Amino acid sequence: MRIQINLASQPYEYARRFVRQWTLTLSLLLLVTLALVIGALFRLKEFRAEQKVINNLRAQIAQGDKEIAAAQAFLNRPENRDTRDKSEILNELIARKAFSWTQVFTDLEKIMPPRLHVVSIHPELTPDNQLELKISVAGESRDRALDLVRKMEQSQRFREPQVISENSEQQGQNQGDAVQYSISALYIPELPASNPGSAVPTATSGGGE
């Protein structure tokens, strides 16, 4: 009995299909790999440029710190202490003159969330003559106080706002008050041509929306 085997029919078709599929798969993988390599090269180039900018900024900061240290050392000399003290007094007077209660309350009114009110404001000068406000607010929920902090971060008048303390048992001026927050922030006053200004006492107010 003879058995005829045709080796040139279906097995050949399967082999050709297999080679075609793998060629297409490898081509796609090659394209993806090439795209990733090109992207990595571009990102590396951008990283090097960014790193160069960062290094330049660090060098400028270091140079600035060095100049500040030299200036402070110069002012700390015995023969220059009188000039330094007068300069500090003048800077303090300028900062106090720039402060306006009306402007502060106007700026706070623009960003004060509803059902949150100011309990007190205490302005003071930092050692580097920046005007810092310590604001006490009260309301029905802590979310409104945190919303005020977020709005202060977006404002042009307030810098580096942060919550100093929270008291959830404090009964404020309104019976509906559930929490009281103490918030600290640097204040950047707007300097008009003629600013009435005022001294820097502690103020207490029950205003709010």
Protein backbone atom coordinates (compact mmCIF):
# COMPACT_ATOMS: atom_id res chain seq x y z
CA MET A 1 0.00 0.00 0.00
CA ARG A 2 1.32 3.42 -0.96
CA ILE A 3 0.80 6.55 1.08
CA GLN A 4 1.31 9.81 -0.80
CA ILE A 5 2.44 12.84 1.25
CA ASN A 6 2.27 16.30 -0.27
CA LEU A 7 4.91 18.44 1.42
CA ALA A 8 4.31 21.46 -0.82
CA SER A 9 0.69 22.34 0.07
CA GLN A 10 -0.63 23.52 3.48
CA PRO A 11 2.64 23.41 5.48
CA TYR A 12 4.15 25.92 3.09
CA GLU A 13 1.17 28.27 3.47
CA TYR A 14 1.41 28.13 7.28
CA ALA A 15 5.13 28.90 7.17
CA ARG A 16 4.63 31.90 4.92
CA ARG A 17 1.81 33.27 7.12
CA PHE A 18 3.96 32.76 10.23
CA VAL A 19 6.89 34.63 8.71
CA ARG A 20 4.60 37.46 7.57
CA GLN A 21 2.99 37.88 11.01
CA TRP A 22 6.31 37.87 12.82
CA THR A 23 7.79 40.33 10.34
CA LEU A 24 4.88 42.70 10.96
CA THR A 25 5.16 42.27 14.74
CA LEU A 26 8.90 42.89 14.74
CA SER A 27 8.46 45.94 12.54
CA LEU A 28 5.92 47.41 14.94
CA LEU A 29 8.18 46.70 17.90
CA LEU A 30 11.07 48.32 16.06
CA LEU A 31 8.99 51.43 15.37
CA VAL A 32 7.85 51.65 19.00
CA THR A 33 11.42 51.19 20.23
CA LEU A 34 12.67 53.85 17.82
CA ALA A 35 9.98 56.28 19.00
CA LEU A 36 10.88 55.62 22.63
CA VAL A 37 14.57 56.14 21.95
CA ILE A 38 13.90 59.43 20.13
CA GLY A 39 11.61 60.57 22.94
CA ALA A 40 14.22 59.67 25.54
CA LEU A 41 16.88 61.63 23.63
CA PHE A 42 14.66 64.71 23.43
CA ARG A 43 13.82 64.40 27.14
CA LEU A 44 17.50 64.04 27.97
CA LYS A 45 18.24 67.18 25.99
CA GLU A 46 15.48 69.06 27.82
CA PHE A 47 16.71 67.73 31.15
CA ARG A 48 20.22 68.96 30.46
CA ALA A 49 18.88 72.40 29.52
CA GLU A 50 16.72 72.53 32.66
CA GLN A 51 19.64 71.37 34.78
CA LYS A 52 21.79 74.12 33.30
CA VAL A 53 19.16 76.72 34.21
CA ILE A 54 18.88 75.30 37.74
CA ASN A 55 22.65 75.36 38.17
CA ASN A 56 22.75 78.99 37.00
CA LEU A 57 20.00 79.93 39.46
CA ARG A 58 21.80 78.13 42.27
CA ALA A 59 24.99 79.97 41.41
CA GLN A 60 23.10 83.29 41.45
CA ILE A 61 21.52 82.44 44.81
CA ALA A 62 24.89 81.47 46.24
CA GLN A 63 26.39 84.71 44.94
CA GLY A 64 23.49 86.67 46.43
CA ASP A 65 23.90 84.94 49.80
CA LYS A 66 27.59 85.73 49.69
CA GLU A 67 26.91 89.41 48.98
CA ILE A 68 24.29 89.56 51.76
CA ALA A 69 26.72 87.99 54.22
CA ALA A 70 29.41 90.49 53.21
CA ALA A 71 26.98 93.40 53.57
CA GLN A 72 25.87 92.19 57.00
CA ALA A 73 29.45 91.78 58.11
CA PHE A 74 30.17 95.32 56.90
CA LEU A 75 27.16 96.75 58.78
CA ASN A 76 28.07 94.82 61.92
CA ARG A 77 31.39 96.64 62.21
CA PRO A 78 31.49 98.97 65.23
CA GLU A 79 31.94 102.05 63.06
CA ASN A 80 28.84 101.17 60.98
CA ARG A 81 26.41 100.08 63.71
CA ASP A 82 24.86 103.54 63.99
CA THR A 83 24.10 103.57 60.26
CA ARG A 84 22.67 100.04 60.49
CA ASP A 85 20.39 100.95 63.40
CA LYS A 86 19.11 104.05 61.61
CA SER A 87 18.46 102.01 58.47
CA GLU A 88 16.46 99.43 60.43
CA ILE A 89 14.38 102.18 62.04
CA LEU A 90 13.68 103.79 58.66
CA ASN A 91 12.70 100.45 57.12
CA GLU A 92 10.35 99.78 60.02
CA LEU A 93 8.73 103.21 59.67
CA ILE A 94 8.28 102.69 55.93
CA ALA A 95 6.65 99.30 56.49
CA ARG A 96 4.32 100.73 59.16
CA LYS A 97 3.41 103.67 56.92
CA ALA A 98 2.48 101.27 54.12
CA PHE A 99 -0.01 99.47 56.36
CA SER A 100 -3.67 100.45 56.03
CA TRP A 101 -6.50 98.83 58.02
CA THR A 102 -9.00 99.83 55.35
CA GLN A 103 -6.97 98.14 52.62
CA VAL A 104 -6.48 94.97 54.67
CA PHE A 105 -10.19 94.56 55.34
CA THR A 106 -10.97 95.34 51.69
CA ASP A 107 -8.53 92.65 50.53
CA LEU A 108 -9.93 90.12 53.00
CA GLU A 109 -13.51 90.92 52.03
CA LYS A 110 -12.75 89.95 48.43
CA ILE A 111 -11.64 86.43 49.39
CA MET A 112 -13.58 85.71 52.58
CA PRO A 113 -15.79 82.60 52.15
CA PRO A 114 -19.45 82.87 53.22
CA ARG A 115 -20.35 82.09 56.85
CA LEU A 116 -16.77 82.81 57.95
CA HIS A 117 -15.84 86.01 59.78
CA VAL A 118 -12.74 87.71 61.14
CA VAL A 119 -12.35 87.67 64.91
CA SER A 120 -9.07 89.59 65.18
CA ILE A 121 -6.07 90.77 63.16
CA HIS A 122 -2.64 91.36 64.63
CA PRO A 123 0.00 92.87 62.28
CA GLU A 124 3.68 92.78 63.13
CA LEU A 125 7.03 93.14 61.41
CA THR A 126 9.29 90.16 60.84
CA PRO A 127 13.05 90.43 61.51
CA ASP A 128 13.57 91.22 57.81
CA ASN A 129 10.94 94.02 57.91
CA GLN A 130 8.17 92.13 56.16
CA LEU A 131 4.62 92.76 57.30
CA GLU A 132 3.08 89.63 58.82
CA LEU A 133 -0.61 89.32 59.67
CA LYS A 134 -1.90 86.92 62.29
CA ILE A 135 -5.59 86.54 61.55
CA SER A 136 -8.12 84.76 63.72
CA VAL A 137 -11.27 83.59 61.89
CA ALA A 138 -14.31 81.64 63.05
CA GLY A 139 -17.12 79.85 61.25
CA GLU A 140 -19.34 76.81 61.02
CA SER A 141 -16.86 74.41 59.40
CA ARG A 142 -13.14 73.90 58.96
CA ASP A 143 -13.57 73.62 55.17
CA ARG A 144 -14.39 77.31 54.93
CA ALA A 145 -11.26 78.26 56.85
CA LEU A 146 -9.14 76.03 54.61
CA ASP A 147 -10.86 77.60 51.59
CA LEU A 148 -9.75 81.01 52.87
CA VAL A 149 -6.14 79.78 53.06
CA ARG A 150 -6.34 78.52 49.46
CA LYS A 151 -7.71 81.87 48.29
CA MET A 152 -4.98 83.71 50.16
CA GLU A 153 -2.41 81.60 48.31
CA GLN A 154 -3.90 82.80 45.01
CA SER A 155 -4.12 86.44 46.08
CA GLN A 156 -1.52 89.05 45.15
CA ARG A 157 -1.73 90.59 48.62
CA PHE A 158 -0.91 87.56 50.77
CA ARG A 159 2.15 85.30 50.74
CA GLU A 160 2.96 82.03 52.51
CA PRO A 161 -0.37 81.66 54.37
CA GLN A 162 -0.42 78.86 56.91
CA VAL A 163 -2.66 77.63 59.69
CA ILE A 164 -1.07 78.20 63.09
CA SER A 165 -3.72 76.66 65.31
CA GLU A 166 -7.26 75.30 65.30
CA ASN A 167 -9.78 75.24 68.11
CA SER A 168 -12.96 73.27 67.44
CA GLU A 169 -14.40 73.99 70.90
CA GLN A 170 -14.05 77.74 70.72
CA GLN A 171 -17.35 79.63 70.93
CA GLY A 172 -16.93 82.68 68.77
CA GLN A 173 -18.96 85.83 68.61
CA ASN A 174 -21.72 83.98 66.77
CA GLN A 175 -23.47 81.00 68.30
CA GLY A 176 -23.11 79.06 65.03
CA ASP A 177 -19.31 79.10 65.16
CA ALA A 178 -17.93 75.56 65.28
CA VAL A 179 -14.22 76.19 64.72
CA GLN A 180 -11.75 79.01 65.16
CA TYR A 181 -8.53 79.20 63.18
CA SER A 182 -5.38 81.26 63.60
CA ILE A 183 -3.80 81.99 60.22
CA SER A 184 -0.43 83.63 59.56
CA ALA A 185 0.48 85.26 56.24
CA LEU A 186 2.84 87.87 54.86
CA TYR A 187 0.97 90.92 53.61
CA ILE A 188 2.01 92.85 50.49
CA PRO A 189 0.28 96.24 50.74
CA GLU A 190 -0.70 98.25 47.74
CA LEU A 191 1.18 101.54 47.83
CA PRO A 192 -0.97 104.39 46.52
CA ALA A 193 0.35 107.89 45.92
CA SER A 194 -1.08 109.02 49.24
CA ASN A 195 -1.60 106.35 51.85
CA PRO A 196 -3.18 107.45 55.13
CA GLY A 197 -1.63 104.48 56.92
CA SER A 198 -1.98 103.85 60.59
CA ALA A 199 -0.11 102.48 63.52
CA VAL A 200 0.07 98.79 64.10
CA PRO A 201 -2.13 97.91 67.09
CA THR A 202 -4.18 94.77 67.50
CA ALA A 203 -7.63 94.98 65.94
CA THR A 204 -10.77 93.04 66.74
CA SER A 205 -13.61 92.78 64.26
CA GLY A 206 -16.67 90.62 63.86
CA GLY A 207 -17.17 91.28 60.16
CA GLY A 208 -17.65 88.61 57.53
CA GLU A 209 -20.02 87.43 54.88
